[in-house]
Amino acid sequence: MLESNDFAKIFYHPVVGQILVLNEDGHPAILFKFKPDSLGVCATKMIFKDTEEGASICDRVFNEVDESKAVDLVTSAYLKLKKTGFLK
């Protein structure tokens, strides 16, 4: 269960490795970091409007992120990277 001062979650997936979900301090954004075997640390970010409403939406989304949603998001990003042909 999340506590009111929680700012991070961590999960693990066999393809994309460790997944860190970070509710960033100072501006409404959620950072997803992951480290698949074939790469170093990768990141993708959700940035919300810098308003009270944006901060509220950011907090709600962070609270709703579970392992399944985190894996879906970073796996999608990883597969898009692989599709570019940059990764062999």
PDB file of N, CA and C in Angstrom:
ATOM      1  N   MET A   1       0.845  -1.190   0.000  1.00  0.00           N
ATOM      2  CA  MET A   1       0.000   0.000   0.000  1.00  0.00           C
ATOM      3  C   MET A   1       0.888   1.251   0.000  1.00  0.00           C
ATOM      4  N   LEU A   2       0.491   2.257  -0.776  1.00  0.00           N
ATOM      5  CA  LEU A   2       1.242   3.507  -0.838  1.00  0.00           C
ATOM      6  C   LEU A   2       0.991   4.357   0.398  1.00  0.00           C
ATOM      7  N   GLU A   3       2.045   4.969   0.855  1.00  0.00           N
ATOM      8  CA  GLU A   3       1.941   5.960   1.916  1.00  0.00           C
ATOM      9  C   GLU A   3       1.877   7.329   1.245  1.00  0.00           C
ATOM     10  N   SER A   4       1.384   8.326   1.965  1.00  0.00           N
ATOM     11  CA  SER A   4       1.207   9.652   1.362  1.00  0.00           C
ATOM     12  C   SER A   4       2.527  10.291   0.939  1.00  0.00           C
ATOM     13  N   ASN A   5       3.649   9.872   1.527  1.00  0.00           N
ATOM     14  CA  ASN A   5       4.928  10.483   1.155  1.00  0.00           C
ATOM     15  C   ASN A   5       5.748   9.601   0.213  1.00  0.00           C
ATOM     16  N   ASP A   6       5.165   8.504  -0.295  1.00  0.00           N
ATOM     17  CA  ASP A   6       5.874   7.653  -1.248  1.00  0.00           C
ATOM     18  C   ASP A   6       6.092   8.415  -2.550  1.00  0.00           C
ATOM     19  N   PHE A   7       7.298   8.281  -3.088  1.00  0.00           N
ATOM     20  CA  PHE A   7       7.618   8.971  -4.337  1.00  0.00           C
ATOM     21  C   PHE A   7       8.176   8.019  -5.393  1.00  0.00           C
ATOM     22  N   ALA A   8       8.313   6.729  -5.048  1.00  0.00           N
ATOM     23  CA  ALA A   8       8.879   5.782  -5.997  1.00  0.00           C
ATOM     24  C   ALA A   8       8.275   4.397  -5.812  1.00  0.00           C
ATOM     25  N   LYS A   9       8.310   3.640  -6.908  1.00  0.00           N
ATOM     26  CA  LYS A   9       7.901   2.238  -6.914  1.00  0.00           C
ATOM     27  C   LYS A   9       8.950   1.495  -7.714  1.00  0.00           C
ATOM     28  N   ILE A  10       9.171   0.243  -7.391  1.00  0.00           N
ATOM     29  CA  ILE A  10      10.136  -0.549  -8.145  1.00  0.00           C
ATOM     30  C   ILE A  10       9.545  -1.917  -8.449  1.00  0.00           C
ATOM     31  N   PHE A  11       9.770  -2.349  -9.697  1.00  0.00           N
ATOM     32  CA  PHE A  11       9.261  -3.626 -10.163  1.00  0.00           C
ATOM     33  C   PHE A  11      10.374  -4.327 -10.937  1.00  0.00           C
ATOM     34  N   TYR A  12      10.145  -5.573 -11.317  1.00  0.00           N
ATOM     35  CA  TYR A  12      11.120  -6.312 -12.124  1.00  0.00           C
ATOM     36  C   TYR A  12      10.379  -7.088 -13.214  1.00  0.00           C
ATOM     37  N   HIS A  13      10.970  -7.090 -14.403  1.00  0.00           N
ATOM     38  CA  HIS A  13      10.430  -7.851 -15.531  1.00  0.00           C
ATOM     39  C   HIS A  13      11.612  -8.527 -16.238  1.00  0.00           C
ATOM     40  N   PRO A  14      11.467  -9.790 -16.658  1.00  0.00           N
ATOM     41  CA  PRO A  14      12.597 -10.510 -17.252  1.00  0.00           C
ATOM     42  C   PRO A  14      13.140  -9.910 -18.550  1.00  0.00           C
ATOM     43  N   VAL A  15      12.335  -9.188 -19.301  1.00  0.00           N
ATOM     44  CA  VAL A  15      12.809  -8.615 -20.568  1.00  0.00           C
ATOM     45  C   VAL A  15      13.398  -7.219 -20.377  1.00  0.00           C
ATOM     46  N   VAL A  16      12.714  -6.363 -19.650  1.00  0.00           N
ATOM     47  CA  VAL A  16      13.169  -4.973 -19.508  1.00  0.00           C
ATOM     48  C   VAL A  16      13.911  -4.724 -18.202  1.00  0.00           C
ATOM     49  N   GLY A  17      14.046  -5.749 -17.361  1.00  0.00           N
ATOM     50  CA  GLY A  17      14.823  -5.619 -16.134  1.00  0.00           C
ATOM     51  C   GLY A  17      14.095  -4.860 -15.036  1.00  0.00           C
ATOM     52  N   GLN A  18      14.887  -4.229 -14.226  1.00  0.00           N
ATOM     53  CA  GLN A  18      14.347  -3.465 -13.100  1.00  0.00           C
ATOM     54  C   GLN A  18      13.643  -2.220 -13.629  1.00  0.00           C
ATOM     55  N   ILE A  19      12.496  -1.908 -13.050  1.00  0.00           N
ATOM     56  CA  ILE A  19      11.714  -0.729 -13.463  1.00  0.00           C
ATOM     57  C   ILE A  19      11.534   0.167 -12.251  1.00  0.00           C
ATOM     58  N   LEU A  20      11.988   1.401 -12.363  1.00  0.00           N
ATOM     59  CA  LEU A  20      11.806   2.398 -11.316  1.00  0.00           C
ATOM     60  C   LEU A  20      10.772   3.404 -11.798  1.00  0.00           C
ATOM     61  N   VAL A  21       9.742   3.637 -10.997  1.00  0.00           N
ATOM     62  CA  VAL A  21       8.713   4.628 -11.309  1.00  0.00           C
ATOM     63  C   VAL A  21       8.862   5.718 -10.260  1.00  0.00           C
ATOM     64  N   LEU A  22       9.163   6.939 -10.704  1.00  0.00           N
ATOM     65  CA  LEU A  22       9.484   8.030  -9.796  1.00  0.00           C
ATOM     66  C   LEU A  22       8.544   9.202 -10.007  1.00  0.00           C
ATOM     67  N   ASN A  23       7.838   9.597  -8.953  1.00  0.00           N
ATOM     68  CA  ASN A  23       7.001  10.800  -8.983  1.00  0.00           C
ATOM     69  C   ASN A  23       7.938  11.958  -8.670  1.00  0.00           C
ATOM     70  N   GLU A  24       8.309  12.713  -9.696  1.00  0.00           N
ATOM     71  CA  GLU A  24       9.345  13.728  -9.539  1.00  0.00           C
ATOM     72  C   GLU A  24       8.896  14.877  -8.648  1.00  0.00           C
ATOM     73  N   ASP A  25       9.837  15.413  -7.924  1.00  0.00           N
ATOM     74  CA  ASP A  25       9.592  16.520  -7.011  1.00  0.00           C
ATOM     75  C   ASP A  25       9.843  17.847  -7.732  1.00  0.00           C
ATOM     76  N   GLY A  26       9.001  18.831  -7.496  1.00  0.00           N
ATOM     77  CA  GLY A  26       9.220  20.156  -8.051  1.00  0.00           C
ATOM     78  C   GLY A  26       8.405  20.479  -9.286  1.00  0.00           C
ATOM     79  N   HIS A  27       7.975  19.461 -10.004  1.00  0.00           N
ATOM     80  CA  HIS A  27       7.121  19.665 -11.170  1.00  0.00           C
ATOM     81  C   HIS A  27       6.346  18.371 -11.412  1.00  0.00           C
ATOM     82  N   PRO A  28       5.149  18.479 -11.968  1.00  0.00           N
ATOM     83  CA  PRO A  28       4.322  17.275 -12.142  1.00  0.00           C
ATOM     84  C   PRO A  28       4.812  16.388 -13.296  1.00  0.00           C
ATOM     85  N   ALA A  29       5.552  15.359 -12.940  1.00  0.00           N
ATOM     86  CA  ALA A  29       6.073  14.426 -13.943  1.00  0.00           C
ATOM     87  C   ALA A  29       6.323  13.075 -13.284  1.00  0.00           C
ATOM     88  N   ILE A  30       6.173  12.025 -14.079  1.00  0.00           N
ATOM     89  CA  ILE A  30       6.461  10.677 -13.623  1.00  0.00           C
ATOM     90  C   ILE A  30       7.538  10.113 -14.544  1.00  0.00           C
ATOM     91  N   LEU A  31       8.651   9.712 -13.953  1.00  0.00           N
ATOM     92  CA  LEU A  31       9.784   9.174 -14.686  1.00  0.00           C
ATOM     93  C   LEU A  31       9.793   7.652 -14.550  1.00  0.00           C
ATOM     94  N   PHE A  32       9.947   6.965 -15.670  1.00  0.00           N
ATOM     95  CA  PHE A  32      10.062   5.515 -15.698  1.00  0.00           C
ATOM     96  C   PHE A  32      11.467   5.176 -16.174  1.00  0.00           C
ATOM     97  N   LYS A  33      12.253   4.501 -15.344  1.00  0.00           N
ATOM     98  CA  LYS A  33      13.587   4.063 -15.737  1.00  0.00           C
ATOM     99  C   LYS A  33      13.598   2.543 -15.775  1.00  0.00           C
ATOM    100  N   PHE A  34      14.339   2.001 -16.742  1.00  0.00           N
ATOM    101  CA  PHE A  34      14.442   0.559 -16.866  1.00  0.00           C
ATOM    102  C   PHE A  34      15.783   0.208 -17.497  1.00  0.00           C
ATOM    103  N   LYS A  35      16.231  -1.030 -17.290  1.00  0.00           N
ATOM    104  CA  LYS A  35      17.548  -1.431 -17.781  1.00  0.00           C
ATOM    105  C   LYS A  35      17.500  -2.835 -18.382  1.00  0.00           C
ATOM    106  N   PRO A  36      17.155  -2.908 -19.673  1.00  0.00           N
ATOM    107  CA  PRO A  36      17.175  -4.212 -20.330  1.00  0.00           C
ATOM    108  C   PRO A  36      18.622  -4.703 -20.493  1.00  0.00           C
ATOM    109  N   ASP A  37      18.796  -6.014 -20.672  1.00  0.00           N
ATOM    110  CA  ASP A  37      20.137  -6.589 -20.790  1.00  0.00           C
ATOM    111  C   ASP A  37      20.950  -5.967 -21.913  1.00  0.00           C
ATOM    112  N   SER A  38      20.311  -5.612 -23.003  1.00  0.00           N
ATOM    113  CA  SER A  38      21.036  -5.140 -24.184  1.00  0.00           C
ATOM    114  C   SER A  38      21.412  -3.661 -24.137  1.00  0.00           C
ATOM    115  N   LEU A  39      20.991  -2.945 -23.095  1.00  0.00           N
ATOM    116  CA  LEU A  39      21.233  -1.500 -23.022  1.00  0.00           C
ATOM    117  C   LEU A  39      21.645  -1.087 -21.617  1.00  0.00           C
ATOM    118  N   GLY A  40      22.033   0.167 -21.499  1.00  0.00           N
ATOM    119  CA  GLY A  40      22.208   0.760 -20.181  1.00  0.00           C
ATOM    120  C   GLY A  40      20.850   1.206 -19.666  1.00  0.00           C
ATOM    121  N   VAL A  41      20.852   2.101 -18.712  1.00  0.00           N
ATOM    122  CA  VAL A  41      19.598   2.590 -18.142  1.00  0.00           C
ATOM    123  C   VAL A  41      18.874   3.445 -19.178  1.00  0.00           C
ATOM    124  N   CYS A  42      17.605   3.123 -19.413  1.00  0.00           N
ATOM    125  CA  CYS A  42      16.749   3.868 -20.336  1.00  0.00           C
ATOM    126  C   CYS A  42      15.680   4.591 -19.520  1.00  0.00           C
ATOM    127  N   ALA A  43      15.096   5.628 -20.098  1.00  0.00           N
ATOM    128  CA  ALA A  43      14.057   6.360 -19.380  1.00  0.00           C
ATOM    129  C   ALA A  43      13.007   6.888 -20.331  1.00  0.00           C
ATOM    130  N   THR A  44      11.813   6.973 -19.818  1.00  0.00           N
ATOM    131  CA  THR A  44      10.721   7.650 -20.506  1.00  0.00           C
ATOM    132  C   THR A  44       9.966   8.427 -19.437  1.00  0.00           C
ATOM    133  N   LYS A  45       9.325   9.505 -19.826  1.00  0.00           N
ATOM    134  CA  LYS A  45       8.721  10.392 -18.838  1.00  0.00           C
ATOM    135  C   LYS A  45       7.347  10.846 -19.279  1.00  0.00           C
ATOM    136  N   MET A  46       6.448  10.940 -18.308  1.00  0.00           N
ATOM    137  CA  MET A  46       5.136  11.547 -18.526  1.00  0.00           C
ATOM    138  C   MET A  46       5.182  12.922 -17.851  1.00  0.00           C
ATOM    139  N   ILE A  47       4.979  13.983 -18.614  1.00  0.00           N
ATOM    140  CA  ILE A  47       5.026  15.341 -18.074  1.00  0.00           C
ATOM    141  C   ILE A  47       3.618  15.931 -18.137  1.00  0.00           C
ATOM    142  N   PHE A  48       3.178  16.474 -17.028  1.00  0.00           N
ATOM    143  CA  PHE A  48       1.846  17.062 -16.924  1.00  0.00           C
ATOM    144  C   PHE A  48       1.974  18.581 -16.868  1.00  0.00           C
ATOM    145  N   LYS A  49       0.866  19.263 -17.150  1.00  0.00           N
ATOM    146  CA  LYS A  49       0.877  20.729 -17.074  1.00  0.00           C
ATOM    147  C   LYS A  49       1.300  21.168 -15.682  1.00  0.00           C
ATOM    148  N   ASP A  50       2.097  22.231 -15.625  1.00  0.00           N
ATOM    149  CA  ASP A  50       2.612  22.731 -14.357  1.00  0.00           C
ATOM    150  C   ASP A  50       1.576  23.636 -13.689  1.00  0.00           C
ATOM    151  N   THR A  51       0.468  23.026 -13.315  1.00  0.00           N
ATOM    152  CA  THR A  51      -0.628  23.710 -12.637  1.00  0.00           C
ATOM    153  C   THR A  51      -1.072  22.831 -11.480  1.00  0.00           C
ATOM    154  N   GLU A  52      -1.951  23.353 -10.644  1.00  0.00           N
ATOM    155  CA  GLU A  52      -2.492  22.530  -9.550  1.00  0.00           C
ATOM    156  C   GLU A  52      -3.230  21.320 -10.110  1.00  0.00           C
ATOM    157  N   GLU A  53      -3.994  21.533 -11.191  1.00  0.00           N
ATOM    158  CA  GLU A  53      -4.713  20.427 -11.803  1.00  0.00           C
ATOM    159  C   GLU A  53      -3.742  19.388 -12.371  1.00  0.00           C
ATOM    160  N   GLY A  54      -2.678  19.860 -13.022  1.00  0.00           N
ATOM    161  CA  GLY A  54      -1.665  18.940 -13.553  1.00  0.00           C
ATOM    162  C   GLY A  54      -1.005  18.139 -12.449  1.00  0.00           C
ATOM    163  N   ALA A  55      -0.707  18.794 -11.326  1.00  0.00           N
ATOM    164  CA  ALA A  55      -0.100  18.096 -10.191  1.00  0.00           C
ATOM    165  C   ALA A  55      -1.053  17.058  -9.621  1.00  0.00           C
ATOM    166  N   SER A  56      -2.332  17.389  -9.565  1.00  0.00           N
ATOM    167  CA  SER A  56      -3.340  16.460  -9.062  1.00  0.00           C
ATOM    168  C   SER A  56      -3.460  15.244  -9.980  1.00  0.00           C
ATOM    169  N   ILE A  57      -3.464  15.483 -11.286  1.00  0.00           N
ATOM    170  CA  ILE A  57      -3.544  14.383 -12.251  1.00  0.00           C
ATOM    171  C   ILE A  57      -2.288  13.510 -12.136  1.00  0.00           C
ATOM    172  N   CYS A  58      -1.127  14.136 -12.009  1.00  0.00           N
ATOM    173  CA  CYS A  58       0.131  13.407 -11.871  1.00  0.00           C
ATOM    174  C   CYS A  58       0.086  12.487 -10.644  1.00  0.00           C
ATOM    175  N   ASP A  59      -0.353  13.018  -9.522  1.00  0.00           N
ATOM    176  CA  ASP A  59      -0.443  12.212  -8.300  1.00  0.00           C
ATOM    177  C   ASP A  59      -1.414  11.047  -8.469  1.00  0.00           C
ATOM    178  N   ARG A  60      -2.535  11.300  -9.118  1.00  0.00           N
ATOM    179  CA  ARG A  60      -3.522  10.242  -9.338  1.00  0.00           C
ATOM    180  C   ARG A  60      -2.939   9.146 -10.219  1.00  0.00           C
ATOM    181  N   VAL A  61      -2.294   9.553 -11.312  1.00  0.00           N
ATOM    182  CA  VAL A  61      -1.703   8.573 -12.222  1.00  0.00           C
ATOM    183  C   VAL A  61      -0.623   7.770 -11.504  1.00  0.00           C
ATOM    184  N   PHE A  62       0.244   8.446 -10.745  1.00  0.00           N
ATOM    185  CA  PHE A  62       1.287   7.738 -10.002  1.00  0.00           C
ATOM    186  C   PHE A  62       0.674   6.698  -9.070  1.00  0.00           C
ATOM    187  N   ASN A  63      -0.376   7.071  -8.376  1.00  0.00           N
ATOM    188  CA  ASN A  63      -1.033   6.138  -7.455  1.00  0.00           C
ATOM    189  C   ASN A  63      -1.649   4.956  -8.186  1.00  0.00           C
ATOM    190  N   GLU A  64      -2.052   5.145  -9.445  1.00  0.00           N
ATOM    191  CA  GLU A  64      -2.680   4.074 -10.225  1.00  0.00           C
ATOM    192  C   GLU A  64      -1.674   3.168 -10.923  1.00  0.00           C
ATOM    193  N   VAL A  65      -0.404   3.593 -11.019  1.00  0.00           N
ATOM    194  CA  VAL A  65       0.602   2.762 -11.684  1.00  0.00           C
ATOM    195  C   VAL A  65       0.872   1.534 -10.820  1.00  0.00           C
ATOM    196  N   ASP A  66       0.611   0.374 -11.406  1.00  0.00           N
ATOM    197  CA  ASP A  66       0.942  -0.878 -10.748  1.00  0.00           C
ATOM    198  C   ASP A  66       1.983  -1.591 -11.627  1.00  0.00           C
ATOM    199  N   GLU A  67       2.366  -2.782 -11.225  1.00  0.00           N
ATOM    200  CA  GLU A  67       3.393  -3.498 -11.975  1.00  0.00           C
ATOM    201  C   GLU A  67       2.987  -3.730 -13.429  1.00  0.00           C
ATOM    202  N   SER A  68       1.750  -4.118 -13.658  1.00  0.00           N
ATOM    203  CA  SER A  68       1.272  -4.391 -15.011  1.00  0.00           C
ATOM    204  C   SER A  68       1.360  -3.150 -15.897  1.00  0.00           C
ATOM    205  N   LYS A  69       0.930  -2.012 -15.385  1.00  0.00           N
ATOM    206  CA  LYS A  69       0.962  -0.772 -16.180  1.00  0.00           C
ATOM    207  C   LYS A  69       2.389  -0.314 -16.427  1.00  0.00           C
ATOM    208  N   ALA A  70       3.248  -0.438 -15.413  1.00  0.00           N
ATOM    209  CA  ALA A  70       4.652  -0.047 -15.583  1.00  0.00           C
ATOM    210  C   ALA A  70       5.329  -0.925 -16.629  1.00  0.00           C
ATOM    211  N   VAL A  71       5.098  -2.232 -16.555  1.00  0.00           N
ATOM    212  CA  VAL A  71       5.678  -3.160 -17.528  1.00  0.00           C
ATOM    213  C   VAL A  71       5.165  -2.854 -18.924  1.00  0.00           C
ATOM    214  N   ASP A  72       3.870  -2.616 -19.073  1.00  0.00           N
ATOM    215  CA  ASP A  72       3.308  -2.290 -20.389  1.00  0.00           C
ATOM    216  C   ASP A  72       3.966  -1.052 -20.980  1.00  0.00           C
ATOM    217  N   LEU A  73       4.114  -0.012 -20.168  1.00  0.00           N
ATOM    218  CA  LEU A  73       4.669   1.240 -20.669  1.00  0.00           C
ATOM    219  C   LEU A  73       6.123   1.080 -21.092  1.00  0.00           C
ATOM    220  N   VAL A  74       6.964   0.504 -20.239  1.00  0.00           N
ATOM    221  CA  VAL A  74       8.385   0.418 -20.586  1.00  0.00           C
ATOM    222  C   VAL A  74       8.637  -0.651 -21.653  1.00  0.00           C
ATOM    223  N   THR A  75       7.856  -1.707 -21.672  1.00  0.00           N
ATOM    224  CA  THR A  75       8.006  -2.714 -22.725  1.00  0.00           C
ATOM    225  C   THR A  75       7.676  -2.100 -24.081  1.00  0.00           C
ATOM    226  N   SER A  76       6.649  -1.281 -24.132  1.00  0.00           N
ATOM    227  CA  SER A  76       6.294  -0.585 -25.365  1.00  0.00           C
ATOM    228  C   SER A  76       7.438   0.316 -25.829  1.00  0.00           C
ATOM    229  N   ALA A  77       8.023   1.062 -24.903  1.00  0.00           N
ATOM    230  CA  ALA A  77       9.151   1.942 -25.249  1.00  0.00           C
ATOM    231  C   ALA A  77      10.337   1.114 -25.747  1.00  0.00           C
ATOM    232  N   TYR A  78      10.635   0.014 -25.071  1.00  0.00           N
ATOM    233  CA  TYR A  78      11.744  -0.853 -25.452  1.00  0.00           C
ATOM    234  C   TYR A  78      11.523  -1.458 -26.847  1.00  0.00           C
ATOM    235  N   LEU A  79      10.313  -1.944 -27.101  1.00  0.00           N
ATOM    236  CA  LEU A  79      10.025  -2.529 -28.409  1.00  0.00           C
ATOM    237  C   LEU A  79      10.126  -1.489 -29.523  1.00  0.00           C
ATOM    238  N   LYS A  80       9.744  -0.255 -29.235  1.00  0.00           N
ATOM    239  CA  LYS A  80       9.891   0.814 -30.238  1.00  0.00           C
ATOM    240  C   LYS A  80      11.364   1.086 -30.515  1.00  0.00           C
ATOM    241  N   LEU A  81      12.196   1.042 -29.471  1.00  0.00           N
ATOM    242  CA  LEU A  81      13.638   1.205 -29.671  1.00  0.00           C
ATOM    243  C   LEU A  81      14.186   0.088 -30.548  1.00  0.00           C
ATOM    244  N   LYS A  82      13.777  -1.141 -30.276  1.00  0.00           N
ATOM    245  CA  LYS A  82      14.250  -2.280 -31.068  1.00  0.00           C
ATOM    246  C   LYS A  82      13.799  -2.162 -32.522  1.00  0.00           C
ATOM    247  N   LYS A  83      12.590  -1.664 -32.731  1.00  0.00           N
ATOM    248  CA  LYS A  83      12.029  -1.547 -34.077  1.00  0.00           C
ATOM    249  C   LYS A  83      12.822  -0.560 -34.950  1.00  0.00           C
ATOM    250  N   THR A  84      13.474   0.417 -34.340  1.00  0.00           N
ATOM    251  CA  THR A  84      14.246   1.402 -35.099  1.00  0.00           C
ATOM    252  C   THR A  84      15.434   0.769 -35.813  1.00  0.00           C
ATOM    253  N   GLY A  85      15.882  -0.389 -35.318  1.00  0.00           N
ATOM    254  CA  GLY A  85      17.046  -1.028 -35.890  1.00  0.00           C
ATOM    255  C   GLY A  85      18.341  -0.616 -35.211  1.00  0.00           C
ATOM    256  N   PHE A  86      18.272   0.293 -34.263  1.00  0.00           N
ATOM    257  CA  PHE A  86      19.471   0.728 -33.547  1.00  0.00           C
ATOM    258  C   PHE A  86      20.033  -0.395 -32.681  1.00  0.00           C
ATOM    259  N   LEU A  87      19.165  -1.266 -32.193  1.00  0.00           N
ATOM    260  CA  LEU A  87      19.603  -2.365 -31.340  1.00  0.00           C
ATOM    261  C   LEU A  87      19.753  -3.631 -32.169  1.00  0.00           C
ATOM    262  N   LYS A  88      20.814  -4.316 -31.973  1.00  0.00           N
ATOM    263  CA  LYS A  88      21.047  -5.558 -32.725  1.00  0.00           C
ATOM    264  C   LYS A  88      20.819  -6.737 -31.814  1.00  0.00           C
TER     265      LYS A  88
END
